[in-house]
Amino acid sequence: MRFCGKWKFGWRALTAGVAGLALVGAFEEAAAQAPANTYTWKLQSTWPQANLLQESVAAFAKSVDEMSAGRLKIEVSPGGQLVPAFEVLDATHKNVIDAAHSWPGYWTGKNTAAGLFGAPPGGPFGLGRDEFISWMLSGGGLDLYNEMLQKELKLNVICLITTTVPYWEAFGWLKKPFENLAELRRIKYRTSGMGLDMLRNMGMTGVQMPGGEVLPALERGTIDGAEWGIPSHDILMGFHNITKYYYMPDMRQPPAVHELLINKSKWDELPADLKAIVRAASLAEIVRMAAHSIDLDSKAAVELQEKHGVKILRTPDEVFKAQLEGVDKVFEAESAKNPFFAKVLTSMRDFAKRAVPHAARIRPPLEQAVQHYWSK
């Protein structure tokens, strides 16, 4: 009987152990089958709803949603819907919104060095789109921008670059045609970022305002001219409904690099795979948007002329010379006042010193192809 009692006790213990193991296995299986954590971000841009840059934000958010299988959803709002357009950086820092899509040049009021990351007027130093992106991603530019945001401005924000357009922006739209720099000095002209100081050094009057306010101001005569982007972007804004004089090219604004600003606390809570997805989607949008813009831009230029009666006019050469001289003065003055500006500018100049002459040597003169095929 004693043996049987011990056997009964041992059997009960064994049964309980097996049941316990089965229960642990069930928990593990349930955990394995449980959905991974999901995240939702509220993102606002600085762009109007009817704008290709806003379409770019939506495309980026869709890519993140698809690549993450819905684990990270980004709710996109246009400029002004959640916070004023030019307050998205502070709102991201304060976690009023989780992220923003904007342009670094808008933050020159916080630190003038911000104007160097957009890209700034004149190239700078001749940096084209590809060379500028190379400086940002391989030459230390993006690290310097995050240093400015986090250490100089003390903001709880990180930045990734995204969304570039393929061309230098057009000089812009004027209510009346002009022939020389002297005539430009008599008008009020909308621009942004370091372009404002460049215009002032040229003797012009520059005005900064959000994109949604530009057309009403042009229509009312509050301003006499305005720049925005390239034909595929400008036609969506509706500039051709206000004026028929469109000038290009321009040294003021190289192909712009735009920013994805993210609240750092929100970024830090993402797992590594979702961070990788956000990085990949932001870089992919650089290529997608550039390719899309090239196709749309040539179509838009034809439509502006043939359907809407827009006159596409060439900017006088003296304007380019004045622009370069004007931005050189901006660089010199800001470097003397702002050590961080000088630090960033030195990095850009050192990179451009080898990258720009090399690019000029290795690229063929494409104007020869234009003359050969399309001059007639």
Protein backbone atom coordinates (compact mmCIF):
# COMPACT_ATOMS: atom_id res chain seq x y z
CA MET A 1 0.00 0.00 0.00
CA ARG A 2 2.81 2.38 0.81
CA PHE A 3 4.22 1.75 -2.64
CA CYS A 4 0.86 2.33 -4.25
CA GLY A 5 0.46 5.60 -2.30
CA LYS A 6 3.81 6.80 -3.47
CA TRP A 7 2.90 5.77 -6.97
CA LYS A 8 -0.39 7.63 -6.79
CA PHE A 9 1.39 10.78 -5.57
CA GLY A 10 4.01 10.46 -8.29
CA TRP A 11 1.39 10.03 -10.96
CA ARG A 12 -0.46 13.12 -9.80
CA ALA A 13 2.76 15.16 -9.85
CA LEU A 14 3.61 13.87 -13.30
CA THR A 15 0.11 14.71 -14.55
CA ALA A 16 0.34 18.22 -13.10
CA GLY A 17 3.75 18.72 -14.67
CA VAL A 18 2.55 17.65 -18.09
CA ALA A 19 -0.46 19.93 -17.77
CA GLY A 20 1.82 22.78 -16.74
CA LEU A 21 4.08 22.22 -19.72
CA ALA A 22 1.04 22.11 -21.98
CA LEU A 23 -0.19 25.40 -20.49
CA VAL A 24 3.22 27.04 -21.02
CA GLY A 25 3.24 25.75 -24.58
CA ALA A 26 -0.20 27.20 -25.15
CA PHE A 27 0.91 30.60 -23.86
CA GLU A 28 3.99 30.52 -26.11
CA GLU A 29 1.90 29.59 -29.13
CA ALA A 30 -0.60 32.32 -28.36
CA ALA A 31 2.22 34.84 -27.99
CA ALA A 32 3.70 33.75 -31.30
CA GLN A 33 0.32 34.16 -32.99
CA ALA A 34 -0.46 37.50 -31.35
CA PRO A 35 -0.15 40.49 -33.65
CA ALA A 36 2.97 42.63 -33.31
CA ASN A 37 2.66 46.09 -31.81
CA THR A 38 1.13 48.63 -34.17
CA TYR A 39 1.86 52.36 -34.27
CA THR A 40 -0.01 55.35 -35.64
CA TRP A 41 1.60 58.71 -36.35
CA LYS A 42 -0.05 62.03 -37.06
CA LEU A 43 1.98 63.85 -39.72
CA GLN A 44 1.38 67.34 -41.02
CA SER A 45 3.21 68.98 -43.89
CA THR A 46 3.76 72.63 -44.71
CA TRP A 47 2.16 72.13 -48.15
CA PRO A 48 -1.31 72.92 -49.50
CA GLN A 49 -3.53 69.95 -50.33
CA ALA A 50 -3.39 70.60 -54.10
CA ASN A 51 0.37 70.25 -54.43
CA LEU A 52 2.77 67.58 -55.66
CA LEU A 53 4.76 67.80 -52.44
CA GLN A 54 1.62 66.86 -50.53
CA GLU A 55 1.11 63.97 -52.95
CA SER A 56 4.66 62.92 -52.13
CA VAL A 57 3.84 62.80 -48.42
CA ALA A 58 0.83 60.60 -49.13
CA ALA A 59 2.93 58.28 -51.33
CA PHE A 60 5.53 57.97 -48.57
CA ALA A 61 2.88 57.11 -45.98
CA LYS A 62 1.36 54.51 -48.29
CA SER A 63 4.77 52.88 -48.81
CA VAL A 64 5.35 52.65 -45.07
CA ASP A 65 1.91 51.13 -44.55
CA GLU A 66 2.45 48.52 -47.27
CA MET A 67 6.01 47.58 -46.28
CA SER A 68 5.09 47.29 -42.62
CA ALA A 69 1.92 45.27 -43.34
CA GLY A 70 -0.07 47.91 -41.50
CA ARG A 71 2.09 47.94 -38.36
CA LEU A 72 2.95 51.62 -38.85
CA LYS A 73 0.22 53.88 -40.18
CA ILE A 74 0.87 57.54 -40.88
CA GLU A 75 -2.15 59.84 -40.96
CA VAL A 76 -1.24 62.71 -43.32
CA SER A 77 -2.62 66.25 -43.09
CA PRO A 78 -1.83 69.28 -45.29
CA GLY A 79 -0.34 72.51 -44.00
CA GLY A 80 -2.52 74.34 -41.48
CA GLN A 81 -4.93 71.51 -40.74
CA LEU A 82 -3.55 70.60 -37.31
CA VAL A 83 -1.11 73.43 -36.60
CA PRO A 84 -0.03 76.52 -38.58
CA ALA A 85 2.18 75.52 -41.50
CA PHE A 86 5.36 77.12 -40.17
CA GLU A 87 4.91 75.64 -36.69
CA VAL A 88 5.34 71.98 -37.63
CA LEU A 89 8.92 71.80 -36.32
CA ASP A 90 7.97 73.04 -32.85
CA ALA A 91 4.81 70.93 -32.90
CA THR A 92 6.86 67.82 -33.66
CA HIS A 93 9.26 68.66 -30.84
CA LYS A 94 6.35 69.09 -28.38
CA ASN A 95 4.63 65.92 -29.68
CA VAL A 96 1.55 67.88 -30.72
CA ILE A 97 2.11 65.98 -33.95
CA ASP A 98 4.35 62.94 -34.36
CA ALA A 99 6.03 63.93 -37.61
CA ALA A 100 6.20 66.61 -40.29
CA HIS A 101 7.16 66.94 -43.94
CA SER A 102 8.77 70.28 -44.68
CA TRP A 103 11.82 72.11 -46.03
CA PRO A 104 14.87 73.00 -43.91
CA GLY A 105 15.06 76.51 -45.31
CA TYR A 106 11.94 77.49 -43.39
CA TRP A 107 13.84 77.35 -40.09
CA THR A 108 16.42 80.06 -40.76
CA GLY A 109 14.71 82.17 -38.09
CA LYS A 110 15.78 79.58 -35.50
CA ASN A 111 19.30 79.13 -36.84
CA THR A 112 20.53 80.60 -40.10
CA ALA A 113 22.45 77.36 -40.75
CA ALA A 114 19.10 75.69 -41.47
CA GLY A 115 19.12 77.51 -44.80
CA LEU A 116 22.13 75.51 -45.93
CA PHE A 117 20.37 72.15 -45.82
CA GLY A 118 17.61 72.73 -48.36
CA ALA A 119 19.78 73.32 -50.71
CA PRO A 120 20.61 77.05 -50.57
CA PRO A 121 20.91 79.58 -53.41
CA GLY A 122 23.76 79.37 -55.85
CA GLY A 123 24.29 75.63 -55.64
CA PRO A 124 25.95 76.27 -53.29
CA PHE A 125 29.42 76.40 -54.82
CA GLY A 126 27.89 74.71 -57.89
CA LEU A 127 26.55 71.61 -56.11
CA GLY A 128 23.84 70.05 -58.28
CA ARG A 129 21.06 67.78 -57.08
CA ASP A 130 23.09 64.58 -57.10
CA GLU A 131 26.14 66.16 -55.50
CA PHE A 132 24.03 67.78 -52.82
CA ILE A 133 22.30 64.50 -51.95
CA SER A 134 25.74 62.89 -51.84
CA TRP A 135 26.91 65.55 -49.37
CA MET A 136 23.83 64.97 -47.22
CA LEU A 137 24.05 61.18 -47.16
CA SER A 138 27.78 60.49 -47.58
CA GLY A 139 29.53 63.75 -46.81
CA GLY A 140 28.14 64.35 -43.34
CA GLY A 141 25.38 66.84 -44.18
CA LEU A 142 22.51 64.94 -42.57
CA ASP A 143 24.55 64.34 -39.42
CA LEU A 144 25.21 68.08 -39.20
CA TYR A 145 21.50 68.84 -39.64
CA ASN A 146 20.54 66.50 -36.83
CA GLU A 147 23.29 68.06 -34.73
CA MET A 148 21.74 71.45 -35.35
CA LEU A 149 18.24 70.26 -34.45
CA GLN A 150 19.20 68.34 -31.34
CA LYS A 151 22.22 70.19 -29.92
CA GLU A 152 22.00 73.74 -31.23
CA LEU A 153 18.20 74.09 -31.05
CA LYS A 154 17.64 71.54 -28.24
CA LEU A 155 14.73 69.92 -30.08
CA ASN A 156 13.48 66.39 -29.46
CA VAL A 157 13.41 65.74 -33.20
CA ILE A 158 15.32 63.64 -35.73
CA CYS A 159 15.42 64.23 -39.47
CA LEU A 160 15.55 61.99 -42.51
CA ILE A 161 15.77 63.45 -46.03
CA THR A 162 13.17 62.70 -48.66
CA THR A 163 11.39 64.11 -51.73
CA THR A 164 13.55 65.98 -54.20
CA VAL A 165 12.52 67.60 -57.44
CA PRO A 166 14.73 66.99 -60.49
CA TYR A 167 15.33 70.55 -61.66
CA TRP A 168 16.48 73.91 -60.41
CA GLU A 169 13.32 75.87 -59.68
CA ALA A 170 12.01 78.48 -62.08
CA PHE A 171 12.63 82.14 -61.29
CA GLY A 172 8.88 82.46 -60.93
CA TRP A 173 5.71 84.30 -61.86
CA LEU A 174 5.34 88.05 -62.32
CA LYS A 175 2.28 90.21 -62.84
CA LYS A 176 4.15 92.14 -65.51
CA PRO A 177 7.15 91.24 -67.69
CA PHE A 178 10.54 92.72 -66.84
CA GLU A 179 13.78 93.25 -68.75
CA ASN A 180 16.44 93.94 -66.16
CA LEU A 181 17.45 93.91 -62.52
CA ALA A 182 16.52 97.55 -62.04
CA GLU A 183 12.87 96.71 -62.71
CA LEU A 184 12.95 93.83 -60.23
CA ARG A 185 14.15 96.21 -57.54
CA ARG A 186 10.83 98.06 -57.73
CA ILE A 187 8.60 95.10 -56.87
CA LYS A 188 7.68 92.90 -53.89
CA TYR A 189 8.61 89.29 -54.47
CA ARG A 190 7.68 86.17 -52.53
CA THR A 191 10.50 83.77 -51.74
CA SER A 192 11.73 81.82 -48.72
CA GLY A 193 14.71 80.69 -46.71
CA MET A 194 18.09 82.20 -47.52
CA GLY A 195 16.58 83.50 -50.75
CA LEU A 196 15.14 86.39 -48.73
CA ASP A 197 18.55 87.67 -47.70
CA MET A 198 19.90 87.04 -51.18
CA LEU A 199 17.15 89.25 -52.67
CA ARG A 200 17.86 91.99 -50.16
CA ASN A 201 21.53 91.96 -51.14
CA MET A 202 20.36 92.31 -54.75
CA GLY A 203 18.37 95.41 -53.79
CA MET A 204 15.00 93.63 -54.06
CA THR A 205 12.14 93.37 -51.55
CA GLY A 206 11.50 89.79 -50.48
CA VAL A 207 8.42 88.51 -48.68
CA GLN A 208 8.03 85.08 -47.04
CA MET A 209 4.62 83.40 -46.66
CA PRO A 210 3.18 79.86 -46.59
CA GLY A 211 2.25 78.26 -49.89
CA GLY A 212 -1.48 78.54 -49.28
CA GLU A 213 -1.23 82.35 -49.04
CA VAL A 214 0.86 82.99 -52.14
CA LEU A 215 -1.82 83.00 -54.85
CA PRO A 216 -4.29 85.20 -52.94
CA ALA A 217 -1.48 87.69 -52.24
CA LEU A 218 -0.46 87.70 -55.91
CA GLU A 219 -4.05 88.17 -57.03
CA ARG A 220 -4.69 91.04 -54.59
CA GLY A 221 -1.43 92.76 -55.53
CA THR A 222 0.06 92.41 -52.05
CA ILE A 223 3.04 90.98 -53.90
CA ASP A 224 4.05 91.54 -57.52
CA GLY A 225 5.74 88.21 -58.15
CA ALA A 226 6.41 84.85 -56.56
CA GLU A 227 8.44 81.72 -56.90
CA TRP A 228 7.20 78.29 -55.98
CA GLY A 229 8.77 75.39 -57.86
CA ILE A 230 8.79 73.92 -61.33
CA PRO A 231 5.99 73.74 -63.95
CA SER A 232 4.53 70.42 -62.75
CA HIS A 233 4.18 71.87 -59.24
CA ASP A 234 3.19 75.39 -60.25
CA ILE A 235 0.37 74.32 -62.55
CA LEU A 236 -1.33 72.51 -59.68
CA MET A 237 -1.09 75.64 -57.57
CA GLY A 238 -2.86 77.60 -60.31
CA PHE A 239 -0.39 80.44 -60.91
CA HIS A 240 -1.48 80.57 -64.55
CA ASN A 241 -4.91 81.72 -63.43
CA ILE A 242 -3.37 84.87 -61.92
CA THR A 243 -0.64 85.84 -64.39
CA LYS A 244 0.76 84.70 -67.73
CA TYR A 245 4.44 85.63 -67.27
CA TYR A 246 6.64 82.76 -66.13
CA TYR A 247 10.42 83.19 -65.96
CA MET A 248 13.16 80.56 -65.92
CA PRO A 249 15.88 79.51 -65.16
CA ASP A 250 17.12 80.66 -61.76
CA MET A 251 20.19 80.44 -59.52
CA ARG A 252 18.11 81.02 -56.40
CA GLN A 253 16.92 77.51 -55.67
CA PRO A 254 18.72 74.31 -56.65
CA PRO A 255 16.75 71.06 -56.65
CA ALA A 256 15.46 71.08 -53.09
CA VAL A 257 15.93 68.36 -50.52
CA HIS A 258 12.92 68.04 -48.24
CA GLU A 259 12.79 66.71 -44.72
CA LEU A 260 10.90 64.14 -42.72
CA LEU A 261 10.92 65.44 -39.15
CA ILE A 262 10.05 62.87 -36.48
CA ASN A 263 9.56 63.28 -32.75
CA LYS A 264 12.60 61.49 -31.32
CA SER A 265 10.64 59.76 -28.54
CA LYS A 266 8.25 58.34 -31.13
CA TRP A 267 11.20 57.27 -33.26
CA ASP A 268 12.99 55.59 -30.36
CA GLU A 269 9.97 53.45 -29.50
CA LEU A 270 9.86 51.89 -32.97
CA PRO A 271 11.44 48.43 -33.38
CA ALA A 272 14.46 48.19 -35.65
CA ASP A 273 12.56 46.77 -38.62
CA LEU A 274 10.04 49.64 -38.68
CA LYS A 275 12.84 52.18 -38.44
CA ALA A 276 14.46 50.51 -41.44
CA ILE A 277 11.15 50.68 -43.33
CA VAL A 278 10.75 54.41 -42.64
CA ARG A 279 14.33 55.07 -43.79
CA ALA A 280 13.83 53.00 -46.95
CA ALA A 281 10.51 54.65 -47.79
CA SER A 282 11.93 58.15 -47.31
CA LEU A 283 14.86 57.42 -49.65
CA ALA A 284 12.64 55.67 -52.19
CA GLU A 285 10.46 58.77 -52.40
CA ILE A 286 13.49 60.77 -53.57
CA VAL A 287 13.71 58.60 -56.68
CA ARG A 288 9.96 58.17 -57.24
CA MET A 289 9.17 61.85 -56.97
CA ALA A 290 12.04 62.91 -59.23
CA ALA A 291 11.02 60.44 -61.93
CA HIS A 292 7.37 61.44 -61.62
CA SER A 293 8.23 65.16 -61.79
CA ILE A 294 10.35 64.84 -64.93
CA ASP A 295 7.46 63.21 -66.76
CA LEU A 296 4.89 65.67 -65.47
CA ASP A 297 7.08 68.74 -65.87
CA SER A 298 7.54 68.57 -69.61
CA LYS A 299 3.81 67.96 -70.04
CA ALA A 300 2.97 70.85 -67.73
CA ALA A 301 5.24 73.26 -69.60
CA VAL A 302 3.50 72.44 -72.88
CA GLU A 303 0.06 72.76 -71.26
CA LEU A 304 0.89 76.10 -69.67
CA GLN A 305 1.88 77.53 -73.04
CA GLU A 306 -0.61 75.89 -75.43
CA LYS A 307 -3.71 75.65 -73.24
CA HIS A 308 -3.36 78.52 -70.79
CA GLY A 309 -1.47 81.07 -72.88
CA VAL A 310 1.46 81.39 -70.51
CA LYS A 311 4.59 83.05 -71.87
CA ILE A 312 7.69 81.21 -70.65
CA LEU A 313 10.44 83.83 -70.73
CA ARG A 314 14.17 83.66 -70.06
CA THR A 315 15.55 85.32 -66.97
CA PRO A 316 18.14 88.00 -67.91
CA ASP A 317 21.76 86.95 -67.36
CA GLU A 318 22.48 89.93 -65.11
CA VAL A 319 20.06 88.48 -62.57
CA PHE A 320 22.15 85.29 -62.22
CA LYS A 321 25.32 87.28 -61.57
CA ALA A 322 23.52 89.39 -58.97
CA GLN A 323 22.13 86.29 -57.30
CA LEU A 324 25.56 84.65 -56.87
CA GLU A 325 27.06 87.87 -55.58
CA GLY A 326 24.11 88.30 -53.26
CA VAL A 327 24.30 84.82 -51.76
CA ASP A 328 28.08 85.10 -51.31
CA LYS A 329 27.41 88.11 -49.08
CA VAL A 330 24.87 86.06 -47.12
CA PHE A 331 27.41 83.27 -46.61
CA GLU A 332 30.09 85.71 -45.49
CA ALA A 333 27.87 87.62 -43.07
CA GLU A 334 26.28 84.56 -41.49
CA SER A 335 29.61 82.76 -41.12
CA ALA A 336 30.92 85.72 -39.14
CA LYS A 337 27.89 85.73 -36.82
CA ASN A 338 27.12 82.02 -36.45
CA PRO A 339 29.90 79.49 -35.78
CA PHE A 340 27.65 76.56 -36.62
CA PHE A 341 26.76 78.16 -39.95
CA ALA A 342 30.47 78.49 -40.68
CA LYS A 343 31.01 74.84 -39.71
CA VAL A 344 28.33 73.61 -42.11
CA LEU A 345 29.43 75.93 -44.91
CA THR A 346 33.01 74.69 -44.59
CA SER A 347 31.80 71.10 -44.90
CA MET A 348 29.83 71.98 -48.04
CA ARG A 349 32.70 73.94 -49.59
CA ASP A 350 35.21 71.15 -48.94
CA PHE A 351 32.87 68.61 -50.53
CA ALA A 352 32.06 70.86 -53.50
CA LYS A 353 35.74 71.63 -54.11
CA ARG A 354 36.28 68.09 -55.40
CA ALA A 355 32.76 67.04 -56.43
CA VAL A 356 31.74 70.02 -58.58
CA PRO A 357 34.81 70.26 -60.86
CA HIS A 358 34.70 66.49 -61.31
CA ALA A 359 31.02 66.61 -62.28
CA ALA A 360 31.75 69.40 -64.78
CA ARG A 361 34.56 67.37 -66.35
CA ILE A 362 32.70 64.11 -66.67
CA ARG A 363 29.29 65.37 -67.84
CA PRO A 364 28.97 66.07 -71.56
CA PRO A 365 27.57 69.43 -72.75
CA LEU A 366 23.94 68.40 -73.13
CA GLU A 367 23.10 71.71 -74.78
CA GLN A 368 24.82 70.24 -77.85
CA ALA A 369 22.24 67.46 -77.93
CA VAL A 370 19.44 70.00 -77.50
CA GLN A 371 20.73 72.00 -80.46
CA HIS A 372 21.26 68.87 -82.54
CA TYR A 373 17.82 67.34 -81.99
CA TRP A 374 15.45 70.08 -80.89
CA SER A 375 16.71 73.49 -82.05
CA LYS A 376 14.22 73.49 -84.94
